[in-house]
Amino acid sequence: MAAPAVRWSVAGAVATLILVASVRDPGSGPSPSLFGVPLATYLHLVAYAGLSAAVGYGLLRADGRALLLAAGTAVCYGGGVELVQAPLPSRNASAVDVLVNTVGATASGRQ
């Protein structure tokens, strides 16, 4: 099994990737969609499921408390990212994004 520093580095890398993707200018033009759902929604689901899984990997436990902590950490991080986006001219904070992040984060914790 990987050392704790390596496991937590994975979580840090996922969190950093999410932050960088969340603050960059999405550009202009229509947003792509899949089955009528914006592609960004799917990306939020996958990103926060991945973050929750990475935090769970860092904890290296699969009991209920660890899964709750991993999902809760990912949800809180997502809320923080939305707050970072709020003052950015090319981004906006969205309660819907927080909800989608929550679904993704909690979906990855299913046993």
N, C-alpha and C. Protein backbone atom coordinates (compact mmCIF):
# COMPACT_ATOMS: atom_id res chain seq x y z
N MET A 1 0.84 -1.18 0.00
CA MET A 1 0.00 0.00 0.00
C MET A 1 0.89 1.24 0.00
N ALA A 2 0.43 2.26 -0.68
CA ALA A 2 1.20 3.51 -0.80
C ALA A 2 1.31 4.21 0.55
N ALA A 3 2.37 4.95 0.72
CA ALA A 3 2.59 5.72 1.94
C ALA A 3 1.52 6.80 2.07
N PRO A 4 1.21 7.21 3.31
CA PRO A 4 0.19 8.24 3.50
C PRO A 4 0.45 9.52 2.69
N ALA A 5 1.70 9.94 2.60
CA ALA A 5 2.00 11.17 1.84
C ALA A 5 1.61 11.01 0.37
N VAL A 6 1.83 9.84 -0.17
CA VAL A 6 1.46 9.58 -1.57
C VAL A 6 -0.05 9.58 -1.72
N ARG A 7 -0.74 8.91 -0.79
CA ARG A 7 -2.20 8.85 -0.86
C ARG A 7 -2.81 10.24 -0.77
N TRP A 8 -2.32 11.06 0.14
CA TRP A 8 -2.86 12.42 0.29
C TRP A 8 -2.45 13.32 -0.86
N SER A 9 -1.32 13.02 -1.49
CA SER A 9 -0.91 13.79 -2.67
C SER A 9 -1.91 13.59 -3.81
N VAL A 10 -2.46 12.39 -3.91
CA VAL A 10 -3.48 12.13 -4.93
C VAL A 10 -4.69 13.02 -4.68
N ALA A 11 -5.14 13.10 -3.43
CA ALA A 11 -6.29 13.96 -3.11
C ALA A 11 -5.96 15.42 -3.39
N GLY A 12 -4.76 15.84 -3.04
CA GLY A 12 -4.35 17.22 -3.32
C GLY A 12 -4.30 17.53 -4.80
N ALA A 13 -3.83 16.57 -5.59
CA ALA A 13 -3.76 16.76 -7.04
C ALA A 13 -5.16 16.86 -7.64
N VAL A 14 -6.07 16.02 -7.19
CA VAL A 14 -7.45 16.08 -7.69
C VAL A 14 -8.08 17.42 -7.31
N ALA A 15 -7.90 17.84 -6.07
CA ALA A 15 -8.46 19.13 -5.62
C ALA A 15 -7.88 20.29 -6.42
N THR A 16 -6.59 20.25 -6.69
CA THR A 16 -5.95 21.31 -7.47
C THR A 16 -6.49 21.34 -8.89
N LEU A 17 -6.64 20.19 -9.50
CA LEU A 17 -7.18 20.11 -10.86
C LEU A 17 -8.60 20.69 -10.91
N ILE A 18 -9.41 20.36 -9.92
CA ILE A 18 -10.77 20.90 -9.87
C ILE A 18 -10.74 22.41 -9.75
N LEU A 19 -9.89 22.94 -8.87
CA LEU A 19 -9.83 24.39 -8.68
C LEU A 19 -9.38 25.10 -9.96
N VAL A 20 -8.34 24.58 -10.58
CA VAL A 20 -7.83 25.21 -11.81
C VAL A 20 -8.91 25.20 -12.90
N ALA A 21 -9.57 24.07 -13.07
CA ALA A 21 -10.63 23.97 -14.08
C ALA A 21 -11.81 24.88 -13.75
N SER A 22 -12.03 25.12 -12.47
CA SER A 22 -13.19 25.90 -12.04
C SER A 22 -12.99 27.41 -12.14
N VAL A 23 -11.75 27.87 -12.16
CA VAL A 23 -11.53 29.32 -12.20
C VAL A 23 -11.11 29.82 -13.58
N ARG A 24 -10.81 28.92 -14.49
CA ARG A 24 -10.41 29.37 -15.81
C ARG A 24 -11.63 29.85 -16.60
N ASP A 25 -11.39 30.74 -17.53
CA ASP A 25 -12.44 31.31 -18.36
C ASP A 25 -12.97 30.21 -19.29
N PRO A 26 -14.28 29.93 -19.24
CA PRO A 26 -14.82 28.86 -20.08
C PRO A 26 -14.94 29.25 -21.55
N GLY A 27 -14.68 30.50 -21.87
CA GLY A 27 -14.80 30.95 -23.25
C GLY A 27 -16.23 31.30 -23.59
N SER A 28 -16.39 31.81 -24.79
CA SER A 28 -17.74 32.20 -25.21
C SER A 28 -18.31 31.12 -26.13
N GLY A 29 -19.56 31.29 -26.45
CA GLY A 29 -20.22 30.34 -27.32
C GLY A 29 -21.12 29.41 -26.54
N PRO A 30 -21.85 28.60 -27.27
CA PRO A 30 -22.79 27.69 -26.60
C PRO A 30 -22.06 26.60 -25.82
N SER A 31 -22.63 26.23 -24.70
CA SER A 31 -22.06 25.15 -23.89
C SER A 31 -22.49 23.82 -24.50
N PRO A 32 -21.56 22.89 -24.65
CA PRO A 32 -21.95 21.58 -25.19
C PRO A 32 -22.84 20.84 -24.20
N SER A 33 -23.70 19.98 -24.73
CA SER A 33 -24.58 19.20 -23.86
C SER A 33 -24.65 17.77 -24.36
N LEU A 34 -25.09 16.90 -23.50
CA LEU A 34 -25.27 15.49 -23.82
C LEU A 34 -26.63 15.08 -23.28
N PHE A 35 -27.51 14.64 -24.15
CA PHE A 35 -28.88 14.29 -23.79
C PHE A 35 -29.61 15.45 -23.15
N GLY A 36 -29.31 16.66 -23.59
CA GLY A 36 -29.97 17.85 -23.08
C GLY A 36 -29.43 18.36 -21.76
N VAL A 37 -28.42 17.70 -21.22
CA VAL A 37 -27.82 18.11 -19.95
C VAL A 37 -26.45 18.72 -20.28
N PRO A 38 -26.16 19.91 -19.74
CA PRO A 38 -24.86 20.52 -20.03
C PRO A 38 -23.71 19.58 -19.66
N LEU A 39 -22.71 19.54 -20.51
CA LEU A 39 -21.54 18.70 -20.27
C LEU A 39 -20.88 19.03 -18.93
N ALA A 40 -20.94 20.29 -18.54
CA ALA A 40 -20.35 20.71 -17.25
C ALA A 40 -20.98 19.96 -16.08
N THR A 41 -22.25 19.61 -16.18
CA THR A 41 -22.92 18.87 -15.10
C THR A 41 -22.27 17.51 -14.92
N TYR A 42 -22.01 16.82 -16.03
CA TYR A 42 -21.35 15.52 -15.95
C TYR A 42 -19.94 15.67 -15.39
N LEU A 43 -19.25 16.73 -15.81
CA LEU A 43 -17.90 16.96 -15.30
C LEU A 43 -17.90 17.19 -13.80
N HIS A 44 -18.89 17.94 -13.30
CA HIS A 44 -19.01 18.15 -11.85
C HIS A 44 -19.22 16.81 -11.13
N LEU A 45 -20.11 15.98 -11.65
CA LEU A 45 -20.37 14.69 -11.02
C LEU A 45 -19.10 13.85 -10.93
N VAL A 46 -18.40 13.74 -12.04
CA VAL A 46 -17.18 12.92 -12.08
C VAL A 46 -16.08 13.52 -11.20
N ALA A 47 -15.91 14.84 -11.27
CA ALA A 47 -14.85 15.49 -10.51
C ALA A 47 -15.03 15.31 -9.01
N TYR A 48 -16.25 15.51 -8.52
CA TYR A 48 -16.45 15.43 -7.07
C TYR A 48 -16.57 13.99 -6.59
N ALA A 49 -16.99 13.08 -7.45
CA ALA A 49 -16.90 11.66 -7.10
C ALA A 49 -15.43 11.27 -6.97
N GLY A 50 -14.62 11.77 -7.90
CA GLY A 50 -13.18 11.50 -7.85
C GLY A 50 -12.51 12.09 -6.63
N LEU A 51 -12.91 13.32 -6.27
CA LEU A 51 -12.32 13.95 -5.09
C LEU A 51 -12.71 13.18 -3.83
N SER A 52 -13.96 12.79 -3.73
CA SER A 52 -14.40 12.03 -2.57
C SER A 52 -13.66 10.69 -2.49
N ALA A 53 -13.49 10.04 -3.62
CA ALA A 53 -12.75 8.77 -3.64
C ALA A 53 -11.28 8.99 -3.27
N ALA A 54 -10.69 10.08 -3.75
CA ALA A 54 -9.29 10.37 -3.43
C ALA A 54 -9.10 10.65 -1.94
N VAL A 55 -10.04 11.37 -1.34
CA VAL A 55 -9.97 11.62 0.10
C VAL A 55 -10.16 10.30 0.85
N GLY A 56 -11.08 9.47 0.38
CA GLY A 56 -11.26 8.14 0.98
C GLY A 56 -9.99 7.31 0.89
N TYR A 57 -9.30 7.40 -0.24
CA TYR A 57 -8.03 6.70 -0.41
C TYR A 57 -6.99 7.24 0.58
N GLY A 58 -7.01 8.54 0.79
CA GLY A 58 -6.09 9.13 1.76
C GLY A 58 -6.36 8.62 3.17
N LEU A 59 -7.63 8.45 3.49
CA LEU A 59 -8.00 7.94 4.82
C LEU A 59 -7.70 6.45 4.96
N LEU A 60 -7.75 5.74 3.83
CA LEU A 60 -7.48 4.31 3.78
C LEU A 60 -8.37 3.50 4.72
N ARG A 61 -9.61 3.92 4.81
CA ARG A 61 -10.61 3.17 5.58
C ARG A 61 -11.90 3.19 4.79
N ALA A 62 -12.71 2.17 4.95
CA ALA A 62 -13.98 2.12 4.22
C ALA A 62 -15.16 2.01 5.17
N ASP A 63 -14.97 2.41 6.42
CA ASP A 63 -16.10 2.38 7.35
C ASP A 63 -16.99 3.58 7.10
N GLY A 64 -18.16 3.57 7.69
CA GLY A 64 -19.13 4.63 7.46
C GLY A 64 -18.63 6.02 7.80
N ARG A 65 -17.90 6.14 8.88
CA ARG A 65 -17.40 7.47 9.29
C ARG A 65 -16.40 8.01 8.27
N ALA A 66 -15.53 7.15 7.77
CA ALA A 66 -14.54 7.59 6.79
C ALA A 66 -15.22 8.00 5.49
N LEU A 67 -16.22 7.23 5.07
CA LEU A 67 -16.94 7.58 3.84
C LEU A 67 -17.68 8.90 4.00
N LEU A 68 -18.27 9.11 5.16
CA LEU A 68 -18.96 10.37 5.43
C LEU A 68 -17.97 11.53 5.45
N LEU A 69 -16.82 11.32 6.05
CA LEU A 69 -15.79 12.36 6.09
C LEU A 69 -15.28 12.68 4.68
N ALA A 70 -15.06 11.65 3.87
CA ALA A 70 -14.58 11.86 2.51
C ALA A 70 -15.61 12.64 1.69
N ALA A 71 -16.86 12.23 1.76
CA ALA A 71 -17.91 12.92 1.00
C ALA A 71 -18.11 14.34 1.54
N GLY A 72 -18.11 14.49 2.85
CA GLY A 72 -18.29 15.82 3.44
C GLY A 72 -17.16 16.77 3.07
N THR A 73 -15.95 16.24 3.03
CA THR A 73 -14.80 17.06 2.62
C THR A 73 -14.96 17.53 1.18
N ALA A 74 -15.37 16.63 0.30
CA ALA A 74 -15.56 16.98 -1.11
C ALA A 74 -16.69 18.00 -1.27
N VAL A 75 -17.77 17.82 -0.53
CA VAL A 75 -18.90 18.76 -0.61
C VAL A 75 -18.47 20.15 -0.13
N CYS A 76 -17.78 20.21 1.00
CA CYS A 76 -17.31 21.51 1.52
C CYS A 76 -16.32 22.16 0.56
N TYR A 77 -15.45 21.37 -0.03
CA TYR A 77 -14.50 21.90 -1.00
C TYR A 77 -15.26 22.49 -2.20
N GLY A 78 -16.28 21.79 -2.66
CA GLY A 78 -17.08 22.29 -3.77
C GLY A 78 -17.76 23.60 -3.43
N GLY A 79 -18.26 23.72 -2.21
CA GLY A 79 -18.85 24.99 -1.78
C GLY A 79 -17.82 26.10 -1.76
N GLY A 80 -16.63 25.77 -1.31
CA GLY A 80 -15.55 26.76 -1.30
C GLY A 80 -15.16 27.20 -2.70
N VAL A 81 -15.12 26.26 -3.62
CA VAL A 81 -14.79 26.60 -5.01
C VAL A 81 -15.85 27.53 -5.59
N GLU A 82 -17.10 27.28 -5.27
CA GLU A 82 -18.17 28.17 -5.75
C GLU A 82 -17.99 29.58 -5.19
N LEU A 83 -17.57 29.70 -3.94
CA LEU A 83 -17.31 31.02 -3.36
C LEU A 83 -16.13 31.71 -4.05
N VAL A 84 -15.13 30.93 -4.43
CA VAL A 84 -13.99 31.50 -5.17
C VAL A 84 -14.45 32.00 -6.53
N GLN A 85 -15.37 31.30 -7.16
CA GLN A 85 -15.86 31.69 -8.48
C GLN A 85 -16.71 32.95 -8.45
N ALA A 86 -17.38 33.21 -7.34
CA ALA A 86 -18.36 34.31 -7.26
C ALA A 86 -17.81 35.66 -7.74
N PRO A 87 -16.64 36.10 -7.31
CA PRO A 87 -16.18 37.42 -7.75
C PRO A 87 -15.49 37.44 -9.12
N LEU A 88 -15.29 36.28 -9.72
CA LEU A 88 -14.58 36.23 -11.00
C LEU A 88 -15.51 36.67 -12.13
N PRO A 89 -15.05 37.57 -12.99
CA PRO A 89 -15.92 38.10 -14.04
C PRO A 89 -16.38 37.05 -15.05
N SER A 90 -15.58 36.03 -15.29
CA SER A 90 -15.94 35.03 -16.29
C SER A 90 -16.64 33.82 -15.69
N ARG A 91 -16.86 33.82 -14.39
CA ARG A 91 -17.49 32.68 -13.70
C ARG A 91 -18.63 33.18 -12.84
N ASN A 92 -19.39 32.27 -12.28
CA ASN A 92 -20.42 32.63 -11.32
C ASN A 92 -20.61 31.49 -10.33
N ALA A 93 -21.04 31.84 -9.15
CA ALA A 93 -21.34 30.84 -8.13
C ALA A 93 -22.73 30.29 -8.41
N SER A 94 -22.91 29.01 -8.19
CA SER A 94 -24.18 28.38 -8.52
C SER A 94 -24.58 27.36 -7.46
N ALA A 95 -25.78 27.54 -6.91
CA ALA A 95 -26.30 26.57 -5.96
C ALA A 95 -26.55 25.23 -6.64
N VAL A 96 -26.90 25.26 -7.92
CA VAL A 96 -27.11 24.02 -8.67
C VAL A 96 -25.79 23.24 -8.76
N ASP A 97 -24.69 23.95 -8.99
CA ASP A 97 -23.39 23.28 -9.02
C ASP A 97 -23.07 22.63 -7.68
N VAL A 98 -23.37 23.31 -6.60
CA VAL A 98 -23.14 22.74 -5.26
C VAL A 98 -23.96 21.46 -5.10
N LEU A 99 -25.20 21.48 -5.56
CA LEU A 99 -26.05 20.30 -5.47
C LEU A 99 -25.48 19.15 -6.31
N VAL A 100 -25.06 19.45 -7.53
CA VAL A 100 -24.48 18.42 -8.40
C VAL A 100 -23.18 17.89 -7.80
N ASN A 101 -22.36 18.77 -7.25
CA ASN A 101 -21.13 18.34 -6.57
C ASN A 101 -21.46 17.38 -5.42
N THR A 102 -22.50 17.70 -4.67
CA THR A 102 -22.91 16.87 -3.54
C THR A 102 -23.34 15.48 -4.01
N VAL A 103 -24.11 15.44 -5.09
CA VAL A 103 -24.52 14.14 -5.64
C VAL A 103 -23.30 13.33 -6.06
N GLY A 104 -22.37 13.96 -6.75
CA GLY A 104 -21.16 13.26 -7.17
C GLY A 104 -20.34 12.77 -6.00
N ALA A 105 -20.15 13.63 -5.01
CA ALA A 105 -19.33 13.27 -3.84
C ALA A 105 -19.95 12.13 -3.05
N THR A 106 -21.25 12.14 -2.90
CA THR A 106 -21.89 11.09 -2.11
C THR A 106 -22.06 9.81 -2.91
N ALA A 107 -22.16 9.91 -4.23
CA ALA A 107 -22.30 8.70 -5.05
C ALA A 107 -21.05 7.84 -5.00
N SER A 108 -19.89 8.45 -4.86
CA SER A 108 -18.66 7.66 -4.85
C SER A 108 -18.46 6.93 -3.53
N GLY A 109 -19.21 7.27 -2.51
CA GLY A 109 -19.05 6.65 -1.20
C GLY A 109 -19.90 5.42 -0.98
N ARG A 110 -20.65 5.03 -2.00
CA ARG A 110 -21.50 3.85 -1.85
C ARG A 110 -20.64 2.60 -1.73
N GLN A 111 -21.03 1.74 -0.81
CA GLN A 111 -20.25 0.50 -0.61
C GLN A 111 -20.78 -0.61 -1.47
